[in-house]
């Protein structure tokens, strides 16, 4: 006793309640034609195609002056200045800690002003002058600010220190003899998780005096 078989068209065996081999193959052919059609560009690609000034989404050439030297690299537009410095140029003074502009460990000088490298895109720094803690003094020497941090023991673990030194340099460039309030505001964007702020303040005062006496 056999169960009644579902009648099918002359295309062959049934693939389901309403699908025959012929209709299945016909659908596959339509799908192949659709896949062969030109793929639609992503919005960013469409914008780049319309406007030659738009860079990306792939890697693009960038030239940045880092610690007095022109450096050329290719990065995707999403790459931050911090990652470009550390991972592409092996400039590791700026530290990657919070990665969201809260701790200041990545502070660099961008055209002479303190900036968080983790919030800047490398492509936006095209042609800019970037100075990290490594570039504050000639190789083999210590800048007055760095020396003051050592003399005053203005650190503990040292992870925040490069950014703190650069921020202090920017502060003293603006205010050679800063008031306590100016120091507090000037370094408010840099956090020492070890709590060495008292000695950091001493280091700022010491550096200010040293620079005022012709030190560097």
N, C-alpha and C. Protein backbone atom coordinates (compact mmCIF):
# COMPACT_ATOMS: atom_id res chain seq x y z
N UNK A 1 0.85 -1.18 0.00
CA UNK A 1 0.00 0.00 0.00
C UNK A 1 0.88 1.23 0.00
N UNK A 2 0.87 1.89 -1.10
CA UNK A 2 1.73 3.07 -1.19
C UNK A 2 0.93 4.34 -1.05
N UNK A 3 1.57 5.35 -0.44
CA UNK A 3 0.94 6.65 -0.29
C UNK A 3 0.91 7.34 -1.64
N UNK A 4 -0.17 8.08 -1.91
CA UNK A 4 -0.27 8.78 -3.18
C UNK A 4 0.85 9.79 -3.31
N UNK A 5 1.51 9.75 -4.47
CA UNK A 5 2.60 10.69 -4.70
C UNK A 5 2.04 12.00 -5.22
N UNK A 6 2.67 13.12 -4.82
CA UNK A 6 2.22 14.44 -5.26
C UNK A 6 2.50 14.60 -6.74
N UNK A 7 1.51 14.93 -7.54
CA UNK A 7 1.77 15.11 -8.97
C UNK A 7 2.68 16.29 -9.20
N UNK A 8 3.55 16.19 -10.16
CA UNK A 8 4.48 17.25 -10.48
C UNK A 8 4.41 17.54 -11.96
N UNK A 9 4.95 18.69 -12.38
CA UNK A 9 4.99 19.00 -13.80
C UNK A 9 6.11 18.21 -14.43
N UNK A 10 6.29 18.37 -15.72
CA UNK A 10 7.28 17.56 -16.42
C UNK A 10 8.71 18.04 -16.18
N UNK A 11 8.90 18.95 -15.20
CA UNK A 11 10.24 19.43 -14.94
C UNK A 11 11.05 18.47 -14.10
N UNK A 12 10.42 17.52 -13.43
CA UNK A 12 11.19 16.58 -12.63
C UNK A 12 10.60 16.43 -11.25
N UNK A 13 11.42 15.92 -10.30
CA UNK A 13 10.96 15.62 -8.95
C UNK A 13 10.61 16.88 -8.21
N UNK A 14 9.69 16.77 -7.23
CA UNK A 14 9.26 17.93 -6.44
C UNK A 14 10.28 18.25 -5.36
N UNK A 15 10.50 19.58 -5.11
CA UNK A 15 11.42 20.03 -4.07
C UNK A 15 10.66 20.51 -2.84
N UNK A 16 9.40 20.56 -2.90
CA UNK A 16 8.59 21.03 -1.79
C UNK A 16 7.14 21.04 -2.22
N UNK A 17 6.26 21.52 -1.37
CA UNK A 17 4.83 21.50 -1.68
C UNK A 17 4.50 22.18 -2.99
N UNK A 18 5.17 23.31 -3.31
CA UNK A 18 4.81 24.06 -4.51
C UNK A 18 6.02 24.34 -5.40
N UNK A 19 7.10 23.60 -5.22
CA UNK A 19 8.32 23.87 -5.97
C UNK A 19 8.73 22.64 -6.75
N UNK A 20 8.90 22.80 -8.05
CA UNK A 20 9.39 21.71 -8.89
C UNK A 20 10.83 21.98 -9.24
N UNK A 21 11.49 20.96 -9.84
CA UNK A 21 12.88 21.16 -10.25
C UNK A 21 12.99 22.28 -11.27
N UNK A 22 12.01 22.34 -12.22
CA UNK A 22 12.07 23.36 -13.25
C UNK A 22 11.94 24.76 -12.66
N UNK A 23 10.98 24.96 -11.71
CA UNK A 23 10.80 26.29 -11.13
C UNK A 23 11.99 26.65 -10.25
N UNK A 24 12.56 25.62 -9.61
CA UNK A 24 13.73 25.88 -8.77
C UNK A 24 14.91 26.38 -9.61
N UNK A 25 15.18 25.69 -10.75
CA UNK A 25 16.27 26.09 -11.61
C UNK A 25 16.01 27.46 -12.23
N UNK A 26 14.73 27.75 -12.56
CA UNK A 26 14.41 29.05 -13.12
C UNK A 26 14.73 30.16 -12.11
N UNK A 27 14.41 29.90 -10.83
CA UNK A 27 14.71 30.89 -9.79
C UNK A 27 16.20 31.08 -9.59
N UNK A 28 16.95 29.97 -9.70
CA UNK A 28 18.40 30.08 -9.57
C UNK A 28 18.99 30.93 -10.69
N UNK A 29 18.45 30.79 -11.89
CA UNK A 29 18.95 31.58 -13.01
C UNK A 29 18.72 33.06 -12.81
N UNK A 30 17.56 33.42 -12.28
CA UNK A 30 17.25 34.83 -12.00
C UNK A 30 18.20 35.37 -10.93
N UNK A 31 18.47 34.54 -9.90
CA UNK A 31 19.39 34.97 -8.84
C UNK A 31 20.80 35.20 -9.37
N UNK A 32 21.22 34.32 -10.30
CA UNK A 32 22.57 34.48 -10.88
C UNK A 32 22.67 35.78 -11.66
N UNK A 33 21.62 36.12 -12.41
CA UNK A 33 21.63 37.37 -13.16
C UNK A 33 21.69 38.57 -12.23
N UNK A 34 20.95 38.48 -11.12
CA UNK A 34 20.94 39.59 -10.17
C UNK A 34 22.31 39.77 -9.53
N UNK A 35 22.96 38.63 -9.22
CA UNK A 35 24.28 38.73 -8.59
C UNK A 35 25.33 39.24 -9.56
N UNK A 36 25.09 39.04 -10.85
CA UNK A 36 26.06 39.52 -11.85
C UNK A 36 25.92 41.00 -12.11
N UNK A 37 24.83 41.63 -11.65
CA UNK A 37 24.63 43.06 -11.86
C UNK A 37 25.63 43.84 -11.03
N UNK A 38 26.01 45.04 -11.46
CA UNK A 38 26.97 45.84 -10.69
C UNK A 38 26.50 46.07 -9.26
N UNK A 39 27.39 45.85 -8.28
CA UNK A 39 27.02 46.04 -6.88
C UNK A 39 26.85 47.52 -6.58
N UNK A 40 25.89 47.83 -5.73
CA UNK A 40 25.65 49.22 -5.36
C UNK A 40 26.76 49.68 -4.41
N UNK A 41 27.28 50.87 -4.66
CA UNK A 41 28.34 51.40 -3.81
C UNK A 41 27.81 51.75 -2.43
N UNK A 42 28.67 51.62 -1.43
CA UNK A 42 28.33 52.09 -0.11
C UNK A 42 28.23 53.61 -0.12
N UNK A 43 27.48 54.21 0.82
CA UNK A 43 27.34 55.68 0.83
C UNK A 43 28.67 56.41 0.81
N UNK A 44 29.65 55.93 1.58
CA UNK A 44 30.95 56.61 1.60
C UNK A 44 31.65 56.51 0.25
N UNK A 45 31.49 55.36 -0.44
CA UNK A 45 32.10 55.19 -1.75
C UNK A 45 31.43 56.08 -2.78
N UNK A 46 30.09 56.20 -2.68
CA UNK A 46 29.37 57.06 -3.59
C UNK A 46 29.81 58.52 -3.42
N UNK A 47 29.97 58.94 -2.17
CA UNK A 47 30.40 60.32 -1.91
C UNK A 47 31.81 60.55 -2.44
N UNK A 48 32.69 59.56 -2.25
CA UNK A 48 34.06 59.69 -2.73
C UNK A 48 34.10 59.76 -4.26
N UNK A 49 33.18 59.01 -4.91
CA UNK A 49 33.14 59.03 -6.36
C UNK A 49 32.66 60.38 -6.89
N UNK A 50 31.75 61.01 -6.16
CA UNK A 50 31.22 62.31 -6.59
C UNK A 50 32.18 63.44 -6.30
N UNK A 51 32.87 63.36 -5.15
CA UNK A 51 33.71 64.47 -4.70
C UNK A 51 35.15 63.99 -4.53
N UNK A 52 36.05 64.37 -5.43
CA UNK A 52 37.44 63.90 -5.32
C UNK A 52 38.15 64.39 -4.05
N UNK A 53 37.56 65.40 -3.35
CA UNK A 53 38.19 65.89 -2.13
C UNK A 53 37.95 64.94 -0.96
N UNK A 54 36.96 64.05 -1.10
CA UNK A 54 36.67 63.08 -0.04
C UNK A 54 37.73 61.99 -0.06
N UNK A 55 38.30 61.68 1.10
CA UNK A 55 39.38 60.70 1.18
C UNK A 55 38.88 59.42 1.82
N UNK A 56 39.25 58.29 1.25
CA UNK A 56 38.83 57.01 1.80
C UNK A 56 37.77 56.38 0.92
N UNK A 57 37.14 55.29 1.41
CA UNK A 57 37.30 54.69 2.74
C UNK A 57 38.56 53.83 2.90
N UNK A 58 39.29 53.59 1.81
CA UNK A 58 40.52 52.81 1.92
C UNK A 58 41.67 53.66 2.43
N UNK A 59 42.85 53.04 2.53
CA UNK A 59 44.03 53.75 3.02
C UNK A 59 44.41 54.89 2.07
N UNK A 60 44.81 56.00 2.65
CA UNK A 60 45.20 57.17 1.86
C UNK A 60 46.55 57.68 2.37
N UNK A 61 47.33 58.31 1.51
CA UNK A 61 48.63 58.83 1.95
C UNK A 61 48.47 60.06 2.84
N UNK A 62 49.27 60.14 3.87
CA UNK A 62 49.25 61.26 4.81
C UNK A 62 50.70 61.65 5.12
N UNK A 63 50.95 62.94 5.18
CA UNK A 63 52.28 63.42 5.58
C UNK A 63 52.13 64.31 6.81
N UNK A 64 52.81 63.95 7.88
CA UNK A 64 52.75 64.69 9.14
C UNK A 64 54.17 64.96 9.60
N UNK A 65 54.40 66.14 10.12
CA UNK A 65 55.71 66.45 10.67
C UNK A 65 55.71 66.04 12.15
N UNK A 66 56.48 65.04 12.48
CA UNK A 66 56.51 64.49 13.84
C UNK A 66 57.88 64.74 14.45
N UNK A 67 57.91 65.51 15.52
CA UNK A 67 59.16 65.82 16.22
C UNK A 67 60.22 66.37 15.26
N UNK A 68 59.76 67.26 14.38
CA UNK A 68 60.68 67.94 13.49
C UNK A 68 61.01 67.23 12.20
N UNK A 69 60.48 66.00 12.00
CA UNK A 69 60.78 65.25 10.79
C UNK A 69 59.49 64.94 10.03
N UNK A 70 59.55 65.09 8.71
CA UNK A 70 58.39 64.74 7.89
C UNK A 70 58.26 63.22 7.83
N UNK A 71 57.06 62.74 8.17
CA UNK A 71 56.80 61.31 8.14
C UNK A 71 55.65 61.03 7.20
N UNK A 72 55.83 60.08 6.29
CA UNK A 72 54.79 59.72 5.33
C UNK A 72 54.28 58.32 5.65
N UNK A 73 52.98 58.16 5.60
CA UNK A 73 52.37 56.86 5.85
C UNK A 73 51.04 56.78 5.14
N UNK A 74 50.49 55.58 5.06
CA UNK A 74 49.17 55.38 4.48
C UNK A 74 48.26 54.79 5.55
N UNK A 75 47.15 55.45 5.79
CA UNK A 75 46.23 55.01 6.83
C UNK A 75 44.79 55.15 6.34
N UNK A 76 43.91 54.34 6.88
CA UNK A 76 42.49 54.52 6.62
C UNK A 76 42.01 55.76 7.38
N UNK A 77 41.00 56.44 6.87
CA UNK A 77 40.52 57.66 7.53
C UNK A 77 40.08 57.46 8.97
N UNK A 78 39.79 56.22 9.38
CA UNK A 78 39.32 55.97 10.74
C UNK A 78 40.47 55.90 11.75
N UNK A 79 41.72 55.84 11.29
CA UNK A 79 42.87 55.67 12.18
C UNK A 79 43.16 56.97 12.92
N UNK A 80 43.27 56.88 14.25
CA UNK A 80 43.56 58.07 15.05
C UNK A 80 45.03 58.44 14.97
N UNK A 81 45.30 59.68 15.32
CA UNK A 81 46.70 60.12 15.36
C UNK A 81 47.49 59.27 16.35
N UNK A 82 46.87 58.93 17.48
CA UNK A 82 47.56 58.13 18.50
C UNK A 82 47.97 56.78 17.94
N UNK A 83 47.06 56.09 17.26
CA UNK A 83 47.39 54.78 16.69
C UNK A 83 48.42 54.91 15.57
N UNK A 84 48.32 55.98 14.80
CA UNK A 84 49.31 56.19 13.73
C UNK A 84 50.70 56.39 14.32
N UNK A 85 50.79 57.17 15.39
CA UNK A 85 52.08 57.41 16.03
C UNK A 85 52.65 56.13 16.62
N UNK A 86 51.85 55.42 17.39
CA UNK A 86 52.35 54.27 18.13
C UNK A 86 52.55 53.05 17.23
N UNK A 87 51.57 52.76 16.36
CA UNK A 87 51.59 51.50 15.63
C UNK A 87 52.24 51.61 14.25
N UNK A 88 52.23 52.80 13.67
CA UNK A 88 52.79 52.93 12.32
C UNK A 88 54.17 53.61 12.34
N UNK A 89 54.39 54.54 13.27
CA UNK A 89 55.63 55.31 13.29
C UNK A 89 56.54 54.96 14.46
N UNK A 90 56.10 54.07 15.34
CA UNK A 90 56.89 53.63 16.49
C UNK A 90 57.28 54.80 17.40
N UNK A 91 56.37 55.76 17.54
CA UNK A 91 56.54 56.87 18.49
C UNK A 91 55.63 56.55 19.67
N UNK A 92 56.22 56.00 20.74
CA UNK A 92 55.42 55.41 21.81
C UNK A 92 55.33 56.26 23.07
N UNK A 93 55.82 57.50 23.02
CA UNK A 93 55.69 58.37 24.20
C UNK A 93 54.24 58.58 24.59
N UNK A 94 53.38 59.00 23.66
CA UNK A 94 51.95 59.14 24.00
C UNK A 94 51.36 57.76 24.33
N UNK A 95 50.68 57.67 25.45
CA UNK A 95 50.16 56.38 25.90
C UNK A 95 48.68 56.23 25.56
N UNK A 96 48.27 55.00 25.30
CA UNK A 96 46.86 54.69 25.04
C UNK A 96 46.26 54.11 26.30
N UNK A 97 45.47 54.91 26.99
CA UNK A 97 44.90 54.48 28.28
C UNK A 97 43.38 54.45 28.18
N UNK A 98 42.74 55.60 28.30
CA UNK A 98 41.27 55.61 28.25
C UNK A 98 40.76 55.53 26.82
N UNK A 99 41.50 56.08 25.87
CA UNK A 99 41.13 56.12 24.45
C UNK A 99 39.82 56.86 24.20
N UNK A 100 39.47 57.80 25.10
CA UNK A 100 38.24 58.58 24.89
C UNK A 100 38.34 59.97 25.53
N UNK A 101 39.53 60.53 25.50
CA UNK A 101 39.74 61.93 25.90
C UNK A 101 39.36 62.22 27.34
N UNK A 102 39.73 61.33 28.25
CA UNK A 102 39.42 61.56 29.65
C UNK A 102 40.65 61.60 30.55
N UNK A 103 41.77 60.99 30.15
CA UNK A 103 42.90 60.87 31.07
C UNK A 103 44.09 61.74 30.69
N UNK A 104 44.27 62.07 29.42
CA UNK A 104 45.37 62.93 29.00
C UNK A 104 46.69 62.24 28.80
N UNK A 105 46.74 60.92 28.93
CA UNK A 105 48.02 60.21 28.77
C UNK A 105 48.55 60.29 27.35
N UNK A 106 47.69 60.60 26.39
CA UNK A 106 48.10 60.65 24.98
C UNK A 106 48.39 62.07 24.52
N UNK A 107 48.51 63.03 25.43
CA UNK A 107 48.66 64.44 25.06
C UNK A 107 49.90 64.68 24.20
N UNK A 108 49.69 65.40 23.11
CA UNK A 108 50.78 65.83 22.23
C UNK A 108 50.60 67.32 21.97
N UNK A 109 51.60 67.93 21.37
CA UNK A 109 51.47 69.32 20.91
C UNK A 109 51.13 69.28 19.43
N UNK A 110 50.01 69.86 19.08
CA UNK A 110 49.60 69.95 17.69
C UNK A 110 49.69 71.41 17.28
N UNK A 111 50.69 71.69 16.45
CA UNK A 111 50.98 73.08 16.07
C UNK A 111 51.14 73.95 17.32
N UNK A 112 51.81 73.38 18.33
CA UNK A 112 52.14 74.12 19.54
C UNK A 112 51.11 74.11 20.63
N UNK A 113 49.94 73.51 20.39
CA UNK A 113 48.89 73.49 21.40
C UNK A 113 48.62 72.07 21.86
N UNK A 114 48.35 71.92 23.16
CA UNK A 114 48.09 70.59 23.71
C UNK A 114 46.82 70.00 23.11
N UNK A 115 46.90 68.72 22.75
CA UNK A 115 45.74 68.05 22.15
C UNK A 115 45.79 66.57 22.51
N UNK A 116 44.60 65.96 22.59
CA UNK A 116 44.50 64.52 22.82
C UNK A 116 44.68 63.80 21.49
N UNK A 117 45.72 63.00 21.36
CA UNK A 117 45.96 62.28 20.11
C UNK A 117 44.93 61.19 19.86
N UNK A 118 44.24 60.73 20.90
CA UNK A 118 43.26 59.67 20.72
C UNK A 118 41.97 60.17 20.10
N UNK A 119 41.77 61.49 20.05
CA UNK A 119 40.53 62.03 19.49
C UNK A 119 40.76 62.68 18.13
N UNK A 120 41.99 62.66 17.64
CA UNK A 120 42.30 63.26 16.35
C UNK A 120 42.47 62.17 15.30
N UNK A 121 41.94 62.39 14.12
CA UNK A 121 42.18 61.47 13.02
C UNK A 121 43.48 61.84 12.33
N UNK A 122 44.26 60.84 11.99
CA UNK A 122 45.55 61.10 11.36
C UNK A 122 45.39 61.89 10.07
N UNK A 123 44.34 61.59 9.30
CA UNK A 123 44.15 62.30 8.02
C UNK A 123 43.84 63.77 8.24
N UNK A 124 43.29 64.11 9.40
CA UNK A 124 43.00 65.51 9.69
C UNK A 124 44.24 66.27 10.13
N UNK A 125 45.33 65.55 10.37
CA UNK A 125 46.59 66.18 10.79
C UNK A 125 47.55 66.34 9.63
N UNK A 126 47.06 66.17 8.42
CA UNK A 126 47.88 66.35 7.22
C UNK A 126 48.59 67.70 7.26
N UNK A 127 49.91 67.68 7.17
CA UNK A 127 50.70 68.91 7.15
C UNK A 127 50.90 69.56 8.51
N UNK A 128 50.36 68.96 9.57
CA UNK A 128 50.49 69.56 10.90
C UNK A 128 51.85 69.26 11.51
N UNK A 129 52.18 70.02 12.54
CA UNK A 129 53.43 69.83 13.28
C UNK A 129 53.08 69.19 14.62
N UNK A 130 53.46 67.93 14.78
CA UNK A 130 53.13 67.17 16.00
C UNK A 130 54.39 66.97 16.82
N UNK A 131 54.32 67.33 18.09
CA UNK A 131 55.46 67.12 18.99
C UNK A 131 55.02 66.24 20.15
N UNK A 132 55.76 65.17 20.37
CA UNK A 132 55.50 64.28 21.49
C UNK A 132 56.58 64.51 22.54
N UNK A 133 56.51 63.78 23.64
CA UNK A 133 57.49 63.97 24.71
C UNK A 133 58.91 63.70 24.19
N UNK A 134 59.04 62.80 23.20
CA UNK A 134 60.37 62.49 22.66
C UNK A 134 61.00 63.69 21.95
N UNK A 135 60.16 64.61 21.46
CA UNK A 135 60.67 65.71 20.66
C UNK A 135 60.82 67.03 21.40
N UNK A 136 60.63 67.02 22.72
CA UNK A 136 60.74 68.28 23.46
C UNK A 136 62.18 68.77 23.57
N UNK A 137 63.13 67.87 23.54
CA UNK A 137 64.55 68.25 23.66
C UNK A 137 65.35 67.44 22.66
N UNK A 138 66.54 67.89 22.30
CA UNK A 138 67.39 67.12 21.39
C UNK A 138 67.65 65.72 21.94
N UNK A 139 67.86 64.78 21.04
CA UNK A 139 68.09 63.40 21.45
C UNK A 139 69.26 63.30 22.43
N UNK A 140 69.04 62.58 23.50
CA UNK A 140 70.07 62.42 24.52
C UNK A 140 70.04 63.47 25.60
N UNK A 141 69.15 64.47 25.48
CA UNK A 141 69.03 65.51 26.49
C UNK A 141 67.63 65.50 27.10
N UNK A 142 67.49 66.19 28.22
CA UNK A 142 66.19 66.29 28.89
C UNK A 142 65.71 67.74 28.85
N UNK A 143 64.44 67.89 28.53
CA UNK A 143 63.85 69.22 28.60
C UNK A 143 63.72 69.63 30.06
N UNK A 144 63.68 70.93 30.33
CA UNK A 144 63.58 71.43 31.70
C UNK A 144 62.36 70.85 32.43
N UNK A 145 61.25 70.67 31.69
CA UNK A 145 60.05 70.13 32.33
C UNK A 145 60.28 68.67 32.72
N UNK A 146 60.84 67.88 31.83
CA UNK A 146 61.12 66.48 32.14
C UNK A 146 62.08 66.37 33.32
N UNK A 147 63.10 67.21 33.32
CA UNK A 147 64.08 67.20 34.41
C UNK A 147 63.42 67.56 35.74
N UNK A 148 62.50 68.52 35.72
CA UNK A 148 61.81 68.92 36.94
C UNK A 148 60.96 67.79 37.50
N UNK A 149 60.33 67.02 36.60
CA UNK A 149 59.52 65.88 37.07
C UNK A 149 60.41 64.85 37.75
N UNK A 150 61.63 64.67 37.24
CA UNK A 150 62.55 63.71 37.86
C UNK A 150 63.03 64.24 39.21
N UNK A 151 63.43 65.50 39.23
CA UNK A 151 63.96 66.08 40.47
C UNK A 151 62.91 66.13 41.57
N UNK A 152 61.68 66.39 41.22
CA UNK A 152 60.61 66.51 42.22
C UNK A 152 59.87 65.21 42.46
N UNK A 153 60.31 64.14 41.78
CA UNK A 153 59.65 62.85 41.93
C UNK A 153 58.16 62.98 41.61
N UNK A 154 57.88 63.67 40.49
CA UNK A 154 56.48 63.94 40.13
C UNK A 154 55.82 62.81 39.37
N UNK A 155 55.98 61.61 39.83
CA UNK A 155 55.37 60.45 39.18
C UNK A 155 55.43 59.26 40.12
N UNK A 156 54.66 58.24 39.81
CA UNK A 156 54.80 56.96 40.52
C UNK A 156 54.96 55.85 39.49
N UNK A 157 53.85 55.40 38.89
CA UNK A 157 54.00 54.34 37.88
C UNK A 157 54.61 54.90 36.59
N UNK A 158 54.43 56.19 36.33
CA UNK A 158 55.03 56.83 35.17
C UNK A 158 54.23 56.74 33.89
N UNK A 159 53.07 56.07 33.92
CA UNK A 159 52.33 55.89 32.68
C UNK A 159 51.71 57.19 32.20
N UNK A 160 51.29 58.04 33.11
CA UNK A 160 50.68 59.32 32.72
C UNK A 160 51.73 60.39 32.47
N UNK A 161 52.97 60.14 32.86
CA UNK A 161 53.99 61.18 32.89
C UNK A 161 54.27 61.82 31.53
N UNK A 162 54.42 61.06 30.43
CA UNK A 162 54.68 61.72 29.14
C UNK A 162 53.62 62.75 28.78
N UNK A 163 52.35 62.39 28.94
CA UNK A 163 51.28 63.34 28.64
C UNK A 163 51.28 64.51 29.60
N UNK A 164 51.61 64.25 30.86
CA UNK A 164 51.65 65.32 31.86
C UNK A 164 52.79 66.29 31.55
N UNK A 165 53.92 65.79 31.12
CA UNK A 165 55.06 66.64 30.77
C UNK A 165 54.72 67.52 29.57
N UNK A 166 54.10 66.93 28.55
CA UNK A 166 53.73 67.70 27.36
C UNK A 166 52.69 68.77 27.71
N UNK A 167 51.72 68.42 28.54
CA UNK A 167 50.71 69.40 28.94
C UNK A 167 51.34 70.53 29.73
N UNK A 168 52.32 70.21 30.57
CA UNK A 168 53.03 71.24 31.34
C UNK A 168 53.81 72.16 30.41
N UNK A 169 54.44 71.57 29.39
CA UNK A 169 55.17 72.38 28.40
C UNK A 169 54.22 73.36 27.72
N UNK A 170 53.04 72.91 27.33
CA UNK A 170 52.06 73.79 26.68
C UNK A 170 51.61 74.88 27.64
N UNK A 171 51.43 74.52 28.91
CA UNK A 171 51.01 75.49 29.92
C UNK A 171 52.06 76.58 30.10
N UNK A 172 53.32 76.18 30.23
CA UNK A 172 54.39 77.16 30.48
C UNK A 172 54.71 77.99 29.23
N UNK A 173 54.38 77.48 28.06
CA UNK A 173 54.52 78.29 26.85
C UNK A 173 53.53 79.45 26.89
N UNK A 174 52.36 79.20 27.46
CA UNK A 174 51.33 80.26 27.55
C UNK A 174 51.56 81.15 28.76
N UNK A 175 51.89 80.52 29.88
CA UNK A 175 52.05 81.26 31.13
C UNK A 175 53.40 80.88 31.76
N UNK A 176 54.47 81.60 31.43
CA UNK A 176 55.80 81.25 31.95
C UNK A 176 55.86 81.22 33.48
N UNK A 177 55.11 82.08 34.13
CA UNK A 177 55.06 82.08 35.59
C UNK A 177 53.60 81.92 36.02
N UNK A 178 53.06 80.73 35.88
CA UNK A 178 51.62 80.53 36.11
C UNK A 178 51.24 80.63 37.59
N UNK A 179 50.01 81.07 37.81
CA UNK A 179 49.45 81.06 39.16
C UNK A 179 49.00 79.64 39.48
N UNK A 180 48.69 79.40 40.73
CA UNK A 180 48.21 78.08 41.14
C UNK A 180 46.92 77.73 40.40
N UNK A 181 46.07 78.73 40.18
CA UNK A 181 44.81 78.50 39.48
C UNK A 181 45.06 78.16 38.02
N UNK A 182 46.02 78.83 37.38
CA UNK A 182 46.34 78.54 35.99
C UNK A 182 46.92 77.13 35.84
N UNK A 183 47.71 76.72 36.81
CA UNK A 183 48.25 75.36 36.78
C UNK A 183 47.12 74.35 36.94
N UNK A 184 46.23 74.62 37.87
CA UNK A 184 45.11 73.70 38.11
C UNK A 184 44.27 73.54 36.86
N UNK A 185 43.97 74.64 36.20
CA UNK A 185 43.16 74.58 34.98
C UNK A 185 43.95 73.98 33.83
N UNK A 186 45.20 74.37 33.72
CA UNK A 186 46.02 73.90 32.61
C UNK A 186 46.26 72.40 32.61
N UNK A 187 46.30 71.80 33.79
CA UNK A 187 46.54 70.35 33.89
C UNK A 187 45.28 69.57 34.26
N UNK A 188 44.13 70.23 34.21
CA UNK A 188 42.89 69.57 34.62
C UNK A 188 42.51 68.43 33.69
N UNK A 189 43.03 68.43 32.48
CA UNK A 189 42.71 67.36 31.55
C UNK A 189 43.65 66.17 31.63
N UNK A 190 44.57 66.20 32.57
CA UNK A 190 45.52 65.09 32.75
C UNK A 190 45.34 64.49 34.13
N UNK A 191 45.17 63.18 34.17
CA UNK A 191 44.88 62.49 35.42
C UNK A 191 46.04 61.57 35.81
N UNK A 192 46.48 61.69 37.07
CA UNK A 192 47.46 60.76 37.63
C UNK A 192 46.69 59.81 38.55
N UNK A 193 46.52 58.59 38.12
CA UNK A 193 45.75 57.63 38.92
C UNK A 193 46.49 57.23 40.20
N UNK A 194 47.79 57.46 40.23
CA UNK A 194 48.57 57.14 41.43
C UNK A 194 48.44 58.21 42.50
N UNK A 195 47.96 59.40 42.13
CA UNK A 195 47.77 60.46 43.10
C UNK A 195 49.01 61.26 43.41
N UNK A 196 49.88 61.47 42.42
CA UNK A 196 51.12 62.21 42.65
C UNK A 196 50.98 63.69 42.34
N UNK A 197 49.76 64.21 42.41
CA UNK A 197 49.52 65.58 41.96
C UNK A 197 50.30 66.63 42.76
N UNK A 198 50.49 66.42 44.05
CA UNK A 198 51.22 67.41 44.85
C UNK A 198 52.63 67.61 44.32
N UNK A 199 53.31 66.51 44.02
CA UNK A 199 54.67 66.60 43.51
C UNK A 199 54.68 67.07 42.05
N UNK A 200 53.62 66.79 41.33
CA UNK A 200 53.52 67.30 39.97
C UNK A 200 53.45 68.82 39.98
N UNK A 201 52.69 69.36 40.91
CA UNK A 201 52.61 70.82 41.04
C UNK A 201 53.98 71.40 41.39
N UNK A 202 54.72 70.71 42.23
CA UNK A 202 56.08 71.16 42.55
C UNK A 202 56.96 71.12 41.31
N UNK A 203 56.77 70.11 40.50
CA UNK A 203 57.57 69.99 39.27
C UNK A 203 57.27 71.14 38.32
N UNK A 204 55.99 71.53 38.23
CA UNK A 204 55.62 72.65 37.36
C UNK A 204 56.29 73.93 37.84
N UNK A 205 56.28 74.15 39.14
CA UNK A 205 56.92 75.36 39.70
C UNK A 205 58.42 75.34 39.45
N UNK A 206 59.05 74.19 39.65
CA UNK A 206 60.49 74.06 39.42
C UNK A 206 60.84 74.30 37.96
N UNK A 207 60.05 73.75 37.05
CA UNK A 207 60.31 73.94 35.62
C UNK A 207 60.13 75.40 35.23
N UNK A 208 59.14 76.04 35.82
CA UNK A 208 58.89 77.45 35.52
C UNK A 208 60.09 78.30 35.91
N UNK A 209 60.65 78.05 37.08
CA UNK A 209 61.82 78.79 37.54
C UNK A 209 63.03 78.50 36.65
N UNK A 210 63.21 77.23 36.28
CA UNK A 210 64.35 76.85 35.46
C UNK A 210 64.28 77.51 34.09
N UNK A 211 63.11 77.51 33.48
CA UNK A 211 62.94 78.13 32.17
C UNK A 211 63.10 79.64 32.27
N UNK A 212 62.66 80.20 33.39
CA UNK A 212 62.79 81.64 33.59
C UNK A 212 64.23 82.08 33.75
N UNK A 213 65.09 81.15 34.13
CA UNK A 213 66.51 81.44 34.30
C UNK A 213 67.33 81.02 33.09
N UNK A 214 66.64 80.77 32.01
CA UNK A 214 67.33 80.42 30.77
C UNK A 214 67.51 78.95 30.53
N UNK A 215 66.94 78.12 31.40
CA UNK A 215 67.04 76.68 31.19
C UNK A 215 66.15 76.25 30.04
N UNK A 216 66.33 75.01 29.60
CA UNK A 216 65.47 74.50 28.54
C UNK A 216 65.32 72.99 28.67
